[in-house]
Amino acid sequence: MRYYNGPGIKTGTSRMKHVLVTGANRGIGLELCRQLSERGDEVIAVVRRSSPELEQLGCRVESGIDVTHPEDLARLQARLGDLTLDLVISNAGILSNQSLGKIDAAAIEQIMDQFRVNALGPVLLAQALRSRLAKGSTLAIITSRMGSIADNTSGGSYGYRMSKSAVNSAGVSLARDLAGDDVCVLLLHPGYVRTDMTGHSGLIDSDESARGLIERIDQLGMEASGGFYHANGEKLPW
């Protein structure tokens, strides 16, 4: 059960959560699994390929799952048995850079790959797991402020920016479609994080990012569903 204190603010939960995290073998996903496990949640880490670091956490690992393949997601659904989920974190994502004047055939394939993973993947995941989402549960989509049109002051990064704008749009649709199921959908920017994906450039480390993301997920309730938030609590512009 959730307890609320004002619009969109959730002040507590009454039991351990069953949590599923995609893209969990490294970076932000790995750190989310670590912190959620350490606080006592039952974590299911969903990956294409596991990693030694993930295996050391001791959480349940479901490998061989590509979120862009409906048949893989059907296998995941079957593996979950009768488990009900309190939180799904759609974290799997990829990044490549395309600049104007250099968008050739190879770059187009990179752009389409980003759309498949970053934008379509979370929708397919939500579709596959909808029947598993408990009343009062949360679907958190890890997006990026690079998907913000209003915040784009530097241009470039065509595939990544477009894919994140697309998933922001999809997240709002999911919020509307899942409202009747009492499922909160949050679009969360993790910050500029030093990970393999960013070439270890950034402003914060994965542990700080994961901590902020978990705080937002714990805090925000149904009145915030469909909203776009920074891990630090700032509401971001579309």
C-alpha atoms as a PDB file:
ATOM      1  CA  MET A   1       0.000   0.000   0.000  1.00  0.00           C
ATOM      2  CA  ARG A   2       1.154   3.551  -0.711  1.00  0.00           C
ATOM      3  CA  TYR A   3       0.762   6.576   1.504  1.00  0.00           C
ATOM      4  CA  TYR A   4       0.385  10.010  -0.055  1.00  0.00           C
ATOM      5  CA  ASN A   5       1.058  13.510   1.176  1.00  0.00           C
ATOM      6  CA  GLY A   6      -0.149  15.982  -1.397  1.00  0.00           C
ATOM      7  CA  PRO A   7      -0.357  15.720  -5.186  1.00  0.00           C
ATOM      8  CA  GLY A   8       1.985  13.182  -6.666  1.00  0.00           C
ATOM      9  CA  ILE A   9       4.025  12.674  -3.478  1.00  0.00           C
ATOM     10  CA  LYS A  10       4.331   9.197  -2.025  1.00  0.00           C
ATOM     11  CA  THR A  11       5.629   9.121   1.535  1.00  0.00           C
ATOM     12  CA  GLY A  12       6.043   5.406   2.141  1.00  0.00           C
ATOM     13  CA  THR A  13       5.441   1.784   1.262  1.00  0.00           C
ATOM     14  CA  SER A  14       4.361  -0.978   3.594  1.00  0.00           C
ATOM     15  CA  ARG A  15       6.236  -4.032   2.238  1.00  0.00           C
ATOM     16  CA  MET A  16       9.221  -5.299   0.329  1.00  0.00           C
ATOM     17  CA  LYS A  17       9.037  -4.717  -3.414  1.00  0.00           C
ATOM     18  CA  HIS A  18       9.486  -7.122  -6.300  1.00  0.00           C
ATOM     19  CA  VAL A  19      11.538  -5.145  -8.825  1.00  0.00           C
ATOM     20  CA  LEU A  20      12.586  -5.875 -12.404  1.00  0.00           C
ATOM     21  CA  VAL A  21      15.440  -3.922 -14.020  1.00  0.00           C
ATOM     22  CA  THR A  22      16.502  -4.161 -17.674  1.00  0.00           C
ATOM     23  CA  GLY A  23      19.998  -3.323 -18.921  1.00  0.00           C
ATOM     24  CA  ALA A  24      21.272  -4.488 -15.550  1.00  0.00           C
ATOM     25  CA  ASN A  25      24.744  -5.843 -16.322  1.00  0.00           C
ATOM     26  CA  ARG A  26      26.690  -2.581 -15.991  1.00  0.00           C
ATOM     27  CA  GLY A  27      26.532   1.144 -15.337  1.00  0.00           C
ATOM     28  CA  ILE A  28      23.339   2.645 -13.959  1.00  0.00           C
ATOM     29  CA  GLY A  29      21.380  -0.599 -14.262  1.00  0.00           C
ATOM     30  CA  LEU A  30      23.950  -2.541 -12.230  1.00  0.00           C
ATOM     31  CA  GLU A  31      23.995   0.137  -9.554  1.00  0.00           C
ATOM     32  CA  LEU A  32      20.189   0.222  -9.387  1.00  0.00           C
ATOM     33  CA  CYS A  33      20.198  -3.534  -8.792  1.00  0.00           C
ATOM     34  CA  ARG A  34      22.874  -3.164  -6.118  1.00  0.00           C
ATOM     35  CA  GLN A  35      21.107  -0.445  -4.162  1.00  0.00           C
ATOM     36  CA  LEU A  36      17.655  -1.980  -4.451  1.00  0.00           C
ATOM     37  CA  SER A  37      18.973  -5.375  -3.337  1.00  0.00           C
ATOM     38  CA  GLU A  38      20.859  -3.838  -0.424  1.00  0.00           C
ATOM     39  CA  ARG A  39      17.722  -2.215   0.934  1.00  0.00           C
ATOM     40  CA  GLY A  40      15.887  -5.551   0.860  1.00  0.00           C
ATOM     41  CA  ASP A  41      13.937  -5.550  -2.404  1.00  0.00           C
ATOM     42  CA  GLU A  42      13.722  -8.736  -4.444  1.00  0.00           C
ATOM     43  CA  VAL A  43      15.426  -7.792  -7.721  1.00  0.00           C
ATOM     44  CA  ILE A  44      15.172  -9.485 -11.111  1.00  0.00           C
ATOM     45  CA  ALA A  45      17.996  -8.336 -13.378  1.00  0.00           C
ATOM     46  CA  VAL A  46      17.131  -8.685 -17.075  1.00  0.00           C
ATOM     47  CA  VAL A  47      20.014  -8.687 -19.549  1.00  0.00           C
ATOM     48  CA  ARG A  48      21.129  -9.933 -22.926  1.00  0.00           C
ATOM     49  CA  ARG A  49      24.368 -11.090 -21.326  1.00  0.00           C
ATOM     50  CA  SER A  50      25.217 -11.131 -17.637  1.00  0.00           C
ATOM     51  CA  SER A  51      28.465  -9.847 -16.124  1.00  0.00           C
ATOM     52  CA  PRO A  52      30.675 -10.955 -13.223  1.00  0.00           C
ATOM     53  CA  GLU A  53      29.740  -7.775 -11.362  1.00  0.00           C
ATOM     54  CA  LEU A  54      26.033  -8.555 -11.695  1.00  0.00           C
ATOM     55  CA  GLU A  55      26.466 -12.188 -10.649  1.00  0.00           C
ATOM     56  CA  GLN A  56      28.232 -11.044  -7.482  1.00  0.00           C
ATOM     57  CA  LEU A  57      25.136  -9.157  -6.335  1.00  0.00           C
ATOM     58  CA  GLY A  58      23.250 -12.371  -5.727  1.00  0.00           C
ATOM     59  CA  CYS A  59      19.996 -11.141  -7.258  1.00  0.00           C
ATOM     60  CA  ARG A  60      17.964 -13.181  -9.734  1.00  0.00           C
ATOM     61  CA  VAL A  61      19.401 -12.828 -13.249  1.00  0.00           C
ATOM     62  CA  GLU A  62      17.352 -13.471 -16.390  1.00  0.00           C
ATOM     63  CA  SER A  63      19.779 -13.465 -19.321  1.00  0.00           C
ATOM     64  CA  GLY A  64      19.282 -13.912 -23.052  1.00  0.00           C
ATOM     65  CA  ILE A  65      16.547 -11.263 -23.165  1.00  0.00           C
ATOM     66  CA  ASP A  66      16.644  -8.582 -25.855  1.00  0.00           C
ATOM     67  CA  VAL A  67      13.918  -6.001 -25.144  1.00  0.00           C
ATOM     68  CA  THR A  68      13.450  -5.372 -28.876  1.00  0.00           C
ATOM     69  CA  HIS A  69      12.470  -9.014 -29.521  1.00  0.00           C
ATOM     70  CA  PRO A  70       8.866  -9.879 -28.582  1.00  0.00           C
ATOM     71  CA  GLU A  71       9.739 -13.587 -28.480  1.00  0.00           C
ATOM     72  CA  ASP A  72      12.398 -12.916 -25.826  1.00  0.00           C
ATOM     73  CA  LEU A  73       9.926 -10.919 -23.776  1.00  0.00           C
ATOM     74  CA  ALA A  74       7.400 -13.753 -24.068  1.00  0.00           C
ATOM     75  CA  ARG A  75      10.054 -16.102 -22.639  1.00  0.00           C
ATOM     76  CA  LEU A  76      10.678 -13.660 -19.804  1.00  0.00           C
ATOM     77  CA  GLN A  77       6.959 -13.525 -19.081  1.00  0.00           C
ATOM     78  CA  ALA A  78       6.858 -17.318 -18.850  1.00  0.00           C
ATOM     79  CA  ARG A  79       9.949 -17.473 -16.608  1.00  0.00           C
ATOM     80  CA  LEU A  80       8.321 -15.132 -14.093  1.00  0.00           C
ATOM     81  CA  GLY A  81       5.674 -17.708 -13.257  1.00  0.00           C
ATOM     82  CA  ASP A  82       2.963 -16.135 -11.119  1.00  0.00           C
ATOM     83  CA  LEU A  83       5.163 -13.317  -9.803  1.00  0.00           C
ATOM     84  CA  THR A  84       3.612  -9.858  -9.472  1.00  0.00           C
ATOM     85  CA  LEU A  85       5.855  -6.814  -9.905  1.00  0.00           C
ATOM     86  CA  ASP A  86       5.798  -3.629  -7.838  1.00  0.00           C
ATOM     87  CA  LEU A  87       8.393  -1.766  -9.891  1.00  0.00           C
ATOM     88  CA  VAL A  88       9.741  -2.153 -13.430  1.00  0.00           C
ATOM     89  CA  ILE A  89      12.730  -0.016 -14.417  1.00  0.00           C
ATOM     90  CA  SER A  90      13.217   0.124 -18.182  1.00  0.00           C
ATOM     91  CA  ASN A  91      16.895   1.013 -18.287  1.00  0.00           C
ATOM     92  CA  ALA A  92      18.276  -0.779 -21.366  1.00  0.00           C
ATOM     93  CA  GLY A  93      19.629   1.751 -23.851  1.00  0.00           C
ATOM     94  CA  ILE A  94      22.307   2.426 -26.434  1.00  0.00           C
ATOM     95  CA  LEU A  95      24.108   5.560 -27.601  1.00  0.00           C
ATOM     96  CA  SER A  96      25.864   6.450 -30.838  1.00  0.00           C
ATOM     97  CA  ASN A  97      26.552   9.860 -32.306  1.00  0.00           C
ATOM     98  CA  GLN A  98      25.443  11.108 -35.742  1.00  0.00           C
ATOM     99  CA  SER A  99      26.176  14.606 -36.991  1.00  0.00           C
ATOM    100  CA  LEU A 100      24.728  16.558 -39.904  1.00  0.00           C
ATOM    101  CA  GLY A 101      26.600  15.922 -43.146  1.00  0.00           C
ATOM    102  CA  LYS A 102      27.721  12.466 -42.016  1.00  0.00           C
ATOM    103  CA  ILE A 103      24.420  10.601 -42.014  1.00  0.00           C
ATOM    104  CA  ASP A 104      25.236   7.816 -44.454  1.00  0.00           C
ATOM    105  CA  ALA A 105      23.848   4.262 -44.716  1.00  0.00           C
ATOM    106  CA  ALA A 106      25.812   3.079 -41.682  1.00  0.00           C
ATOM    107  CA  ALA A 107      24.646   6.043 -39.611  1.00  0.00           C
ATOM    108  CA  ILE A 108      21.034   5.380 -40.594  1.00  0.00           C
ATOM    109  CA  GLU A 109      21.332   1.834 -39.236  1.00  0.00           C
ATOM    110  CA  GLN A 110      22.766   3.224 -35.995  1.00  0.00           C
ATOM    111  CA  ILE A 111      19.861   5.654 -35.726  1.00  0.00           C
ATOM    112  CA  MET A 112      17.320   2.885 -36.298  1.00  0.00           C
ATOM    113  CA  ASP A 113      19.035   0.679 -33.703  1.00  0.00           C
ATOM    114  CA  GLN A 114      18.655   3.491 -31.165  1.00  0.00           C
ATOM    115  CA  PHE A 115      14.969   3.820 -31.984  1.00  0.00           C
ATOM    116  CA  ARG A 116      14.477   0.081 -31.548  1.00  0.00           C
ATOM    117  CA  VAL A 117      16.241  -0.123 -28.179  1.00  0.00           C
ATOM    118  CA  ASN A 118      15.636   3.303 -26.638  1.00  0.00           C
ATOM    119  CA  ALA A 119      12.092   4.038 -27.843  1.00  0.00           C
ATOM    120  CA  LEU A 120      10.392   0.805 -28.868  1.00  0.00           C
ATOM    121  CA  GLY A 121      12.025  -1.404 -26.213  1.00  0.00           C
ATOM    122  CA  PRO A 122      10.247   0.212 -23.234  1.00  0.00           C
ATOM    123  CA  VAL A 123       6.882  -0.035 -25.006  1.00  0.00           C
ATOM    124  CA  LEU A 124       7.361  -3.723 -25.795  1.00  0.00           C
ATOM    125  CA  LEU A 125       8.478  -4.341 -22.205  1.00  0.00           C
ATOM    126  CA  ALA A 126       5.391  -2.603 -20.813  1.00  0.00           C
ATOM    127  CA  GLN A 127       3.158  -4.570 -23.169  1.00  0.00           C
ATOM    128  CA  ALA A 128       4.735  -7.887 -22.160  1.00  0.00           C
ATOM    129  CA  LEU A 129       4.634  -7.214 -18.410  1.00  0.00           C
ATOM    130  CA  ARG A 130       1.351  -5.327 -18.111  1.00  0.00           C
ATOM    131  CA  SER A 131      -0.447  -8.296 -16.570  1.00  0.00           C
ATOM    132  CA  ARG A 132       2.369  -8.571 -13.993  1.00  0.00           C
ATOM    133  CA  LEU A 133       2.124  -4.988 -12.748  1.00  0.00           C
ATOM    134  CA  ALA A 134       0.444  -4.773  -9.362  1.00  0.00           C
ATOM    135  CA  LYS A 135      -2.115  -2.131  -8.512  1.00  0.00           C
ATOM    136  CA  GLY A 136      -0.135   0.855  -7.286  1.00  0.00           C
ATOM    137  CA  SER A 137       3.054  -0.238  -9.067  1.00  0.00           C
ATOM    138  CA  THR A 138       5.486   1.956 -11.005  1.00  0.00           C
ATOM    139  CA  LEU A 139       6.967   1.713 -14.492  1.00  0.00           C
ATOM    140  CA  ALA A 140      10.073   3.914 -14.566  1.00  0.00           C
ATOM    141  CA  ILE A 141      11.615   4.626 -17.970  1.00  0.00           C
ATOM    142  CA  ILE A 142      15.219   5.842 -17.917  1.00  0.00           C
ATOM    143  CA  THR A 143      15.248   8.482 -20.622  1.00  0.00           C
ATOM    144  CA  SER A 144      17.449  11.568 -21.093  1.00  0.00           C
ATOM    145  CA  ARG A 145      17.123  15.323 -21.068  1.00  0.00           C
ATOM    146  CA  MET A 146      18.694  15.046 -24.543  1.00  0.00           C
ATOM    147  CA  GLY A 147      15.184  14.072 -25.588  1.00  0.00           C
ATOM    148  CA  SER A 148      13.928  17.499 -24.534  1.00  0.00           C
ATOM    149  CA  ILE A 149      13.224  19.782 -27.503  1.00  0.00           C
ATOM    150  CA  ALA A 150      13.116  22.900 -25.328  1.00  0.00           C
ATOM    151  CA  ASP A 151      16.450  22.027 -23.702  1.00  0.00           C
ATOM    152  CA  ASN A 152      18.325  21.370 -26.959  1.00  0.00           C
ATOM    153  CA  THR A 153      20.852  24.181 -27.261  1.00  0.00           C
ATOM    154  CA  SER A 154      23.704  22.339 -28.993  1.00  0.00           C
ATOM    155  CA  GLY A 155      22.140  20.279 -31.818  1.00  0.00           C
ATOM    156  CA  GLY A 156      23.711  17.092 -33.149  1.00  0.00           C
ATOM    157  CA  SER A 157      23.358  13.574 -31.681  1.00  0.00           C
ATOM    158  CA  TYR A 158      20.478  12.945 -34.062  1.00  0.00           C
ATOM    159  CA  GLY A 159      19.718   9.313 -33.344  1.00  0.00           C
ATOM    160  CA  TYR A 160      19.984   9.538 -29.584  1.00  0.00           C
ATOM    161  CA  ARG A 161      18.028  12.785 -29.281  1.00  0.00           C
ATOM    162  CA  MET A 162      15.227  11.558 -31.566  1.00  0.00           C
ATOM    163  CA  SER A 163      14.991   8.169 -29.834  1.00  0.00           C
ATOM    164  CA  LYS A 164      14.727   9.801 -26.407  1.00  0.00           C
ATOM    165  CA  SER A 165      12.111  12.290 -27.620  1.00  0.00           C
ATOM    166  CA  ALA A 166      10.199   9.302 -28.984  1.00  0.00           C
ATOM    167  CA  VAL A 167      10.317   7.382 -25.713  1.00  0.00           C
ATOM    168  CA  ASN A 168       9.180  10.492 -23.840  1.00  0.00           C
ATOM    169  CA  SER A 169       6.131  10.598 -26.107  1.00  0.00           C
ATOM    170  CA  ALA A 170       5.590   6.865 -25.622  1.00  0.00           C
ATOM    171  CA  GLY A 171       5.860   7.266 -21.855  1.00  0.00           C
ATOM    172  CA  VAL A 172       3.031   9.787 -21.798  1.00  0.00           C
ATOM    173  CA  SER A 173       0.881   7.389 -23.834  1.00  0.00           C
ATOM    174  CA  LEU A 174       1.745   4.557 -21.433  1.00  0.00           C
ATOM    175  CA  ALA A 175       0.771   6.759 -18.498  1.00  0.00           C
ATOM    176  CA  ARG A 176      -2.645   7.326 -20.064  1.00  0.00           C
ATOM    177  CA  ASP A 177      -3.127   3.672 -21.035  1.00  0.00           C
ATOM    178  CA  LEU A 178      -2.054   2.301 -17.639  1.00  0.00           C
ATOM    179  CA  ALA A 179      -3.890   4.849 -15.483  1.00  0.00           C
ATOM    180  CA  GLY A 180      -6.884   2.540 -15.202  1.00  0.00           C
ATOM    181  CA  ASP A 181      -4.561  -0.176 -13.861  1.00  0.00           C
ATOM    182  CA  ASP A 182      -3.301   2.234 -11.157  1.00  0.00           C
ATOM    183  CA  VAL A 183       0.223   2.059 -12.600  1.00  0.00           C
ATOM    184  CA  CYS A 184       2.407   5.149 -12.328  1.00  0.00           C
ATOM    185  CA  VAL A 185       4.688   5.826 -15.339  1.00  0.00           C
ATOM    186  CA  LEU A 186       7.735   8.026 -14.730  1.00  0.00           C
ATOM    187  CA  LEU A 187      10.192   9.376 -17.306  1.00  0.00           C
ATOM    188  CA  LEU A 188      13.495   9.877 -15.507  1.00  0.00           C
ATOM    189  CA  HIS A 189      16.745  11.529 -16.595  1.00  0.00           C
ATOM    190  CA  PRO A 190      19.657   9.958 -14.672  1.00  0.00           C
ATOM    191  CA  GLY A 191      22.009  12.925 -15.041  1.00  0.00           C
ATOM    192  CA  TYR A 192      25.209  13.045 -17.066  1.00  0.00           C
ATOM    193  CA  VAL A 193      26.723   9.854 -15.701  1.00  0.00           C
ATOM    194  CA  ARG A 194      30.237   8.471 -16.074  1.00  0.00           C
ATOM    195  CA  THR A 195      29.607   5.033 -17.617  1.00  0.00           C
ATOM    196  CA  ASP A 196      30.892   2.868 -20.452  1.00  0.00           C
ATOM    197  CA  MET A 197      28.110   4.294 -22.620  1.00  0.00           C
ATOM    198  CA  THR A 198      29.377   7.861 -22.198  1.00  0.00           C
ATOM    199  CA  GLY A 199      33.037   6.877 -22.499  1.00  0.00           C
ATOM    200  CA  HIS A 200      33.327   7.597 -18.764  1.00  0.00           C
ATOM    201  CA  SER A 201      32.787  11.300 -19.310  1.00  0.00           C
ATOM    202  CA  GLY A 202      30.132  12.964 -17.192  1.00  0.00           C
ATOM    203  CA  LEU A 203      29.367  14.901 -14.032  1.00  0.00           C
ATOM    204  CA  ILE A 204      28.361  12.153 -11.582  1.00  0.00           C
ATOM    205  CA  ASP A 205      29.014   8.461 -10.957  1.00  0.00           C
ATOM    206  CA  SER A 206      26.528   5.613 -11.270  1.00  0.00           C
ATOM    207  CA  ASP A 207      25.988   5.264  -7.531  1.00  0.00           C
ATOM    208  CA  GLU A 208      24.887   8.885  -7.147  1.00  0.00           C
ATOM    209  CA  SER A 209      22.642   8.651 -10.203  1.00  0.00           C
ATOM    210  CA  ALA A 210      20.993   5.425  -9.011  1.00  0.00           C
ATOM    211  CA  ARG A 211      20.432   6.900  -5.564  1.00  0.00           C
ATOM    212  CA  GLY A 212      18.625   9.894  -7.059  1.00  0.00           C
ATOM    213  CA  LEU A 213      16.543   7.727  -9.380  1.00  0.00           C
ATOM    214  CA  ILE A 214      15.423   5.509  -6.520  1.00  0.00           C
ATOM    215  CA  GLU A 215      14.523   8.566  -4.433  1.00  0.00           C
ATOM    216  CA  ARG A 216      12.332   9.891  -7.254  1.00  0.00           C
ATOM    217  CA  ILE A 217      10.652   6.521  -7.767  1.00  0.00           C
ATOM    218  CA  ASP A 218       9.953   6.232  -4.032  1.00  0.00           C
ATOM    219  CA  GLN A 219       8.649   9.797  -3.822  1.00  0.00           C
ATOM    220  CA  LEU A 220       6.458  10.231  -6.888  1.00  0.00           C
ATOM    221  CA  GLY A 221       2.958   8.792  -7.130  1.00  0.00           C
ATOM    222  CA  MET A 222       0.058   8.696  -9.579  1.00  0.00           C
ATOM    223  CA  GLU A 223      -0.394  12.464  -9.801  1.00  0.00           C
ATOM    224  CA  ALA A 224       3.113  12.613 -11.309  1.00  0.00           C
ATOM    225  CA  SER A 225       2.455   9.849 -13.839  1.00  0.00           C
ATOM    226  CA  GLY A 226       3.550  10.855 -17.331  1.00  0.00           C
ATOM    227  CA  GLY A 227       5.936  13.476 -15.945  1.00  0.00           C
ATOM    228  CA  PHE A 228       9.558  14.041 -17.018  1.00  0.00           C
ATOM    229  CA  TYR A 229      11.962  14.413 -14.091  1.00  0.00           C
ATOM    230  CA  HIS A 230      15.680  14.743 -13.416  1.00  0.00           C
ATOM    231  CA  ALA A 231      17.092  12.317 -10.840  1.00  0.00           C
ATOM    232  CA  ASN A 232      17.748  15.373  -8.645  1.00  0.00           C
ATOM    233  CA  GLY A 233      14.010  16.151  -8.522  1.00  0.00           C
ATOM    234  CA  GLU A 234      13.888  18.932 -11.144  1.00  0.00           C
ATOM    235  CA  LYS A 235      10.889  18.759 -13.505  1.00  0.00           C
ATOM    236  CA  LEU A 236      12.219  18.879 -17.040  1.00  0.00           C
ATOM    237  CA  PRO A 237      10.713  20.638 -20.076  1.00  0.00           C
ATOM    238  CA  TRP A 238       9.492  18.665 -23.064  1.00  0.00           C
END
